[in-house]
Amino acid sequence: MKNVGGLDVIQDLNSDSKSHIVILHGYGANANDLYSLKQFFDPNTKYNWHFPNGFLDLGSTPMFESKAWFPIDIEAYEKAQAEGRHRDLASVRPNGLNEARDRLLKFLKEILNDGDQLILGGFSQGAMLSTELSFQVAPVLKGLIVLSGALLDEKFWVPNFSKLKGIPFIQSHGEVDPVLSFDEAKRLSEFFKEQGLEGEFLDFKGGHEIPMYIAAKTKEFIEKHA
């Protein structure tokens, strides 16, 4: 892992490719979590791969790094859980989201050169941040990957998503996800389509995870759009 644009990152690079794929891990994980999928996605490294590490430390140990992109309102989640519901994030702009976005934009500016193209995505909190970033990098964005994500700060996203008309996306969500609502995921999918993005919503009989079926579909998406 090396520092690029102020972030620690795992990279597998191909200097002959103009395609860059940036994948952001979820809350409490680290860059290695999704890097483990890279050999399945692209064993011969046809593209440039980047797996940044979250800059917030959640209490790492010598055996495991626990990282995040922005804080979670634990009290609000616990209250929703106690009431038997998921937290609705569509009206929320999480504390720290702006900083996370700005730090990722600095990182992207560092890795992208003239003529380069980008596929951007992530899992859970990484999917939310990827979606927040997507309209900021619309001119070079060739695809958006949203694995177990959610709609954030709808009022802010709506006027910005017009920049993404025609951009392809792939979105997945478990039907019994205990962390992020399946119904809210479907709402996000409808939001994407209302804003003119083109893609599909893939549901699966599972929870907060990336099953092999979804990994295979994501690989197809990358190969089609990178």
Protein backbone atom coordinates (compact mmCIF):
# COMPACT_ATOMS: atom_id res chain seq x y z
CA MET A 1 0.00 0.00 0.00
CA LYS A 2 1.29 3.45 -0.87
CA ASN A 3 0.14 7.03 -0.38
CA VAL A 4 -1.37 8.70 -3.44
CA GLY A 5 -3.02 12.10 -3.30
CA GLY A 6 -3.16 11.92 0.49
CA LEU A 7 -4.79 8.47 0.70
CA ASP A 8 -3.29 5.07 1.31
CA VAL A 9 -4.19 2.85 -1.62
CA ILE A 10 -3.63 -0.61 -3.06
CA GLN A 11 -2.98 -0.38 -6.80
CA ASP A 12 -2.58 -2.83 -9.66
CA LEU A 13 -1.68 -0.74 -12.70
CA ASN A 14 -1.43 -1.23 -16.44
CA SER A 15 0.42 1.64 -18.09
CA ASP A 16 -1.06 0.71 -21.49
CA SER A 17 -4.65 1.23 -20.31
CA LYS A 18 -6.61 4.47 -20.07
CA SER A 19 -9.30 2.81 -17.94
CA HIS A 20 -9.20 3.33 -14.18
CA ILE A 21 -11.40 1.44 -11.73
CA VAL A 22 -11.74 2.81 -8.20
CA ILE A 23 -13.51 0.69 -5.58
CA LEU A 24 -14.33 1.98 -2.08
CA HIS A 25 -14.77 -0.36 0.88
CA GLY A 26 -17.51 -0.18 3.48
CA TYR A 27 -17.64 1.10 7.05
CA GLY A 28 -15.38 -0.86 9.38
CA ALA A 29 -13.51 -2.67 6.60
CA ASN A 30 -10.35 -1.67 4.72
CA ALA A 31 -8.89 -1.62 1.22
CA ASN A 32 -7.98 -5.31 1.33
CA ASP A 33 -11.63 -6.26 1.76
CA LEU A 34 -12.63 -5.59 -1.85
CA TYR A 35 -9.15 -5.94 -3.33
CA SER A 36 -9.67 -9.66 -2.79
CA LEU A 37 -12.20 -9.54 -5.67
CA LYS A 38 -9.73 -8.03 -8.11
CA GLN A 39 -8.25 -11.38 -9.17
CA PHE A 40 -11.74 -12.52 -10.09
CA PHE A 41 -12.63 -9.30 -11.89
CA ASP A 42 -9.39 -8.88 -13.85
CA PRO A 43 -6.69 -11.51 -13.19
CA ASN A 44 -4.46 -10.21 -16.00
CA THR A 45 -4.74 -6.53 -14.97
CA LYS A 46 -6.08 -5.21 -18.24
CA TYR A 47 -7.09 -2.01 -16.44
CA ASN A 48 -5.75 0.28 -13.72
CA TRP A 49 -7.15 -0.74 -10.33
CA HIS A 50 -7.27 1.44 -7.22
CA PHE A 51 -8.51 0.39 -3.77
CA PRO A 52 -8.18 3.36 -1.37
CA ASN A 53 -8.13 2.88 2.38
CA GLY A 54 -10.57 4.92 4.46
CA PHE A 55 -8.85 7.68 6.41
CA LEU A 56 -10.94 7.40 9.60
CA ASP A 57 -9.57 4.84 12.07
CA LEU A 58 -12.28 2.98 13.98
CA GLY A 59 -9.93 1.22 16.36
CA SER A 60 -7.52 -0.80 14.28
CA THR A 61 -5.40 -3.54 15.80
CA PRO A 62 -2.11 -5.08 14.60
CA MET A 63 -4.20 -7.89 13.10
CA PHE A 64 -6.92 -5.85 11.39
CA GLU A 65 -7.44 -2.29 10.18
CA SER A 66 -10.96 -0.98 10.76
CA LYS A 67 -11.49 2.09 8.60
CA ALA A 68 -14.30 4.35 7.42
CA TRP A 69 -14.92 7.28 5.10
CA PHE A 70 -17.18 9.29 7.38
CA PRO A 71 -18.73 8.78 10.83
CA ILE A 72 -22.01 6.95 11.38
CA ASP A 73 -24.66 8.35 13.70
CA ILE A 74 -24.76 5.28 15.93
CA GLU A 75 -27.45 6.75 18.18
CA ALA A 76 -29.81 7.31 15.23
CA TYR A 77 -29.22 3.77 13.94
CA GLU A 78 -29.83 2.25 17.36
CA LYS A 79 -33.04 4.26 17.77
CA ALA A 80 -34.33 3.09 14.39
CA GLN A 81 -33.39 -0.49 15.19
CA ALA A 82 -35.16 -0.35 18.55
CA GLU A 83 -38.28 0.87 16.75
CA GLY A 84 -38.07 -2.02 14.28
CA ARG A 85 -37.25 0.08 11.23
CA HIS A 86 -34.35 1.10 9.02
CA ARG A 87 -33.02 4.61 9.15
CA ASP A 88 -34.15 6.76 6.22
CA LEU A 89 -31.00 8.46 4.92
CA ALA A 90 -32.55 10.31 1.98
CA SER A 91 -33.00 13.49 4.02
CA VAL A 92 -29.63 13.22 5.77
CA ARG A 93 -26.25 14.67 4.88
CA PRO A 94 -23.87 12.79 7.15
CA ASN A 95 -21.22 14.67 9.08
CA GLY A 96 -17.90 14.20 7.35
CA LEU A 97 -19.33 13.40 3.92
CA ASN A 98 -18.03 16.65 2.44
CA GLU A 99 -14.52 15.97 3.71
CA ALA A 100 -14.60 12.41 2.38
CA ARG A 101 -15.80 13.64 -1.01
CA ASP A 102 -13.10 16.32 -1.21
CA ARG A 103 -10.33 13.92 -0.24
CA LEU A 104 -11.44 11.41 -2.85
CA LEU A 105 -11.66 14.13 -5.49
CA LYS A 106 -8.07 15.09 -4.71
CA PHE A 107 -7.08 11.44 -5.06
CA LEU A 108 -8.91 11.09 -8.39
CA LYS A 109 -7.26 14.23 -9.72
CA GLU A 110 -3.91 12.67 -8.86
CA ILE A 111 -4.49 9.39 -10.70
CA LEU A 112 -6.39 10.57 -13.79
CA ASN A 113 -4.66 12.10 -16.80
CA ASP A 114 -6.02 13.57 -20.02
CA GLY A 115 -7.97 10.96 -21.96
CA ASP A 116 -8.43 8.63 -18.99
CA GLN A 117 -11.78 7.06 -18.16
CA LEU A 118 -13.20 6.02 -14.81
CA ILE A 119 -15.45 3.33 -13.40
CA LEU A 120 -16.30 4.20 -9.82
CA GLY A 121 -17.98 2.10 -7.19
CA GLY A 122 -18.04 0.56 -3.78
CA PHE A 123 -19.83 -1.39 -1.10
CA SER A 124 -22.16 0.03 1.59
CA GLN A 125 -20.65 3.32 2.80
CA GLY A 126 -18.24 3.11 -0.12
CA ALA A 127 -21.21 2.84 -2.49
CA MET A 128 -22.80 5.94 -0.97
CA LEU A 129 -19.58 7.92 -1.30
CA SER A 130 -19.12 6.71 -4.87
CA THR A 131 -22.59 7.95 -5.73
CA GLU A 132 -21.84 11.30 -4.08
CA LEU A 133 -18.66 11.53 -6.17
CA SER A 134 -20.21 10.41 -9.43
CA PHE A 135 -21.62 13.72 -10.61
CA GLN A 136 -18.38 15.47 -9.59
CA VAL A 137 -16.48 13.37 -12.16
CA ALA A 138 -19.21 13.08 -14.78
CA PRO A 139 -17.00 14.03 -17.79
CA VAL A 140 -14.76 10.97 -17.33
CA LEU A 141 -17.23 8.57 -15.69
CA LYS A 142 -18.03 5.44 -17.73
CA GLY A 143 -19.89 3.45 -15.09
CA LEU A 144 -21.12 3.44 -11.50
CA ILE A 145 -21.12 0.35 -9.24
CA VAL A 146 -23.42 0.52 -6.20
CA LEU A 147 -23.26 -2.58 -4.00
CA SER A 148 -25.60 -2.38 -0.99
CA GLY A 149 -25.81 1.41 -1.06
CA ALA A 150 -28.46 3.97 -0.12
CA LEU A 151 -29.90 7.31 -1.18
CA LEU A 152 -28.28 10.19 0.72
CA ASP A 153 -29.26 13.85 0.84
CA GLU A 154 -31.76 13.68 -2.00
CA LYS A 155 -32.24 17.46 -2.16
CA PHE A 156 -28.55 17.91 -2.94
CA TRP A 157 -28.32 15.01 -5.36
CA VAL A 158 -31.35 15.85 -7.51
CA PRO A 159 -30.06 19.04 -9.20
CA ASN A 160 -26.64 17.48 -9.77
CA PHE A 161 -27.62 14.15 -11.29
CA SER A 162 -28.61 15.70 -14.61
CA LYS A 163 -24.88 15.55 -15.39
CA LEU A 164 -25.10 11.75 -15.39
CA LYS A 165 -27.82 11.24 -17.98
CA GLY A 166 -27.01 8.10 -19.96
CA ILE A 167 -24.28 6.89 -17.58
CA PRO A 168 -24.56 3.11 -16.98
CA PHE A 169 -24.90 1.74 -13.46
CA ILE A 170 -25.17 -1.59 -11.71
CA GLN A 171 -26.79 -1.79 -8.29
CA SER A 172 -27.30 -4.75 -5.97
CA HIS A 173 -28.98 -5.27 -2.60
CA GLY A 174 -29.94 -8.15 -0.34
CA GLU A 175 -33.64 -8.67 0.32
CA VAL A 176 -33.03 -9.14 4.06
CA ASP A 177 -30.22 -6.61 4.53
CA PRO A 178 -30.22 -5.76 8.27
CA VAL A 179 -28.03 -2.67 7.83
CA LEU A 180 -29.48 -0.73 4.88
CA SER A 181 -33.11 -1.01 3.84
CA PHE A 182 -34.00 -3.05 0.76
CA ASP A 183 -36.95 -0.73 0.10
CA GLU A 184 -34.64 2.28 0.23
CA ALA A 185 -32.31 0.52 -2.22
CA LYS A 186 -35.20 0.13 -4.66
CA ARG A 187 -35.97 3.80 -4.11
CA LEU A 188 -32.38 4.62 -5.06
CA SER A 189 -32.70 2.54 -8.22
CA GLU A 190 -35.82 4.46 -9.21
CA PHE A 191 -34.01 7.70 -8.45
CA PHE A 192 -31.19 6.71 -10.81
CA LYS A 193 -33.62 5.97 -13.61
CA GLU A 194 -35.62 9.15 -13.02
CA GLN A 195 -32.38 11.11 -13.38
CA GLY A 196 -31.59 9.45 -16.71
CA LEU A 197 -28.98 6.87 -15.71
CA GLU A 198 -29.19 3.52 -17.47
CA GLY A 199 -28.75 0.27 -15.60
CA GLU A 200 -30.24 -2.51 -13.56
CA PHE A 201 -31.14 -3.30 -9.98
CA LEU A 202 -30.09 -6.79 -8.90
CA ASP A 203 -31.71 -8.20 -5.79
CA PHE A 204 -30.66 -11.40 -4.07
CA LYS A 205 -31.84 -13.54 -1.19
CA GLY A 206 -29.28 -12.44 1.36
CA GLY A 207 -28.14 -9.65 3.62
CA HIS A 208 -25.36 -7.06 3.66
CA GLU A 209 -22.92 -8.85 1.38
CA ILE A 210 -21.59 -9.45 -2.14
CA PRO A 211 -22.58 -12.97 -3.24
CA MET A 212 -20.77 -14.62 -6.13
CA TYR A 213 -23.74 -14.02 -8.44
CA ILE A 214 -23.38 -10.27 -7.89
CA ALA A 215 -19.60 -10.44 -8.27
CA ALA A 216 -20.05 -12.17 -11.62
CA LYS A 217 -22.54 -9.55 -12.80
CA THR A 218 -20.19 -6.80 -11.67
CA LYS A 219 -17.35 -8.39 -13.63
CA GLU A 220 -19.55 -8.39 -16.76
CA PHE A 221 -20.39 -4.72 -16.17
CA ILE A 222 -16.71 -3.77 -15.85
CA GLU A 223 -15.73 -5.69 -18.98
CA LYS A 224 -18.51 -4.00 -20.94
CA HIS A 225 -17.79 -0.42 -19.89
CA ALA A 226 -14.08 -0.19 -19.04
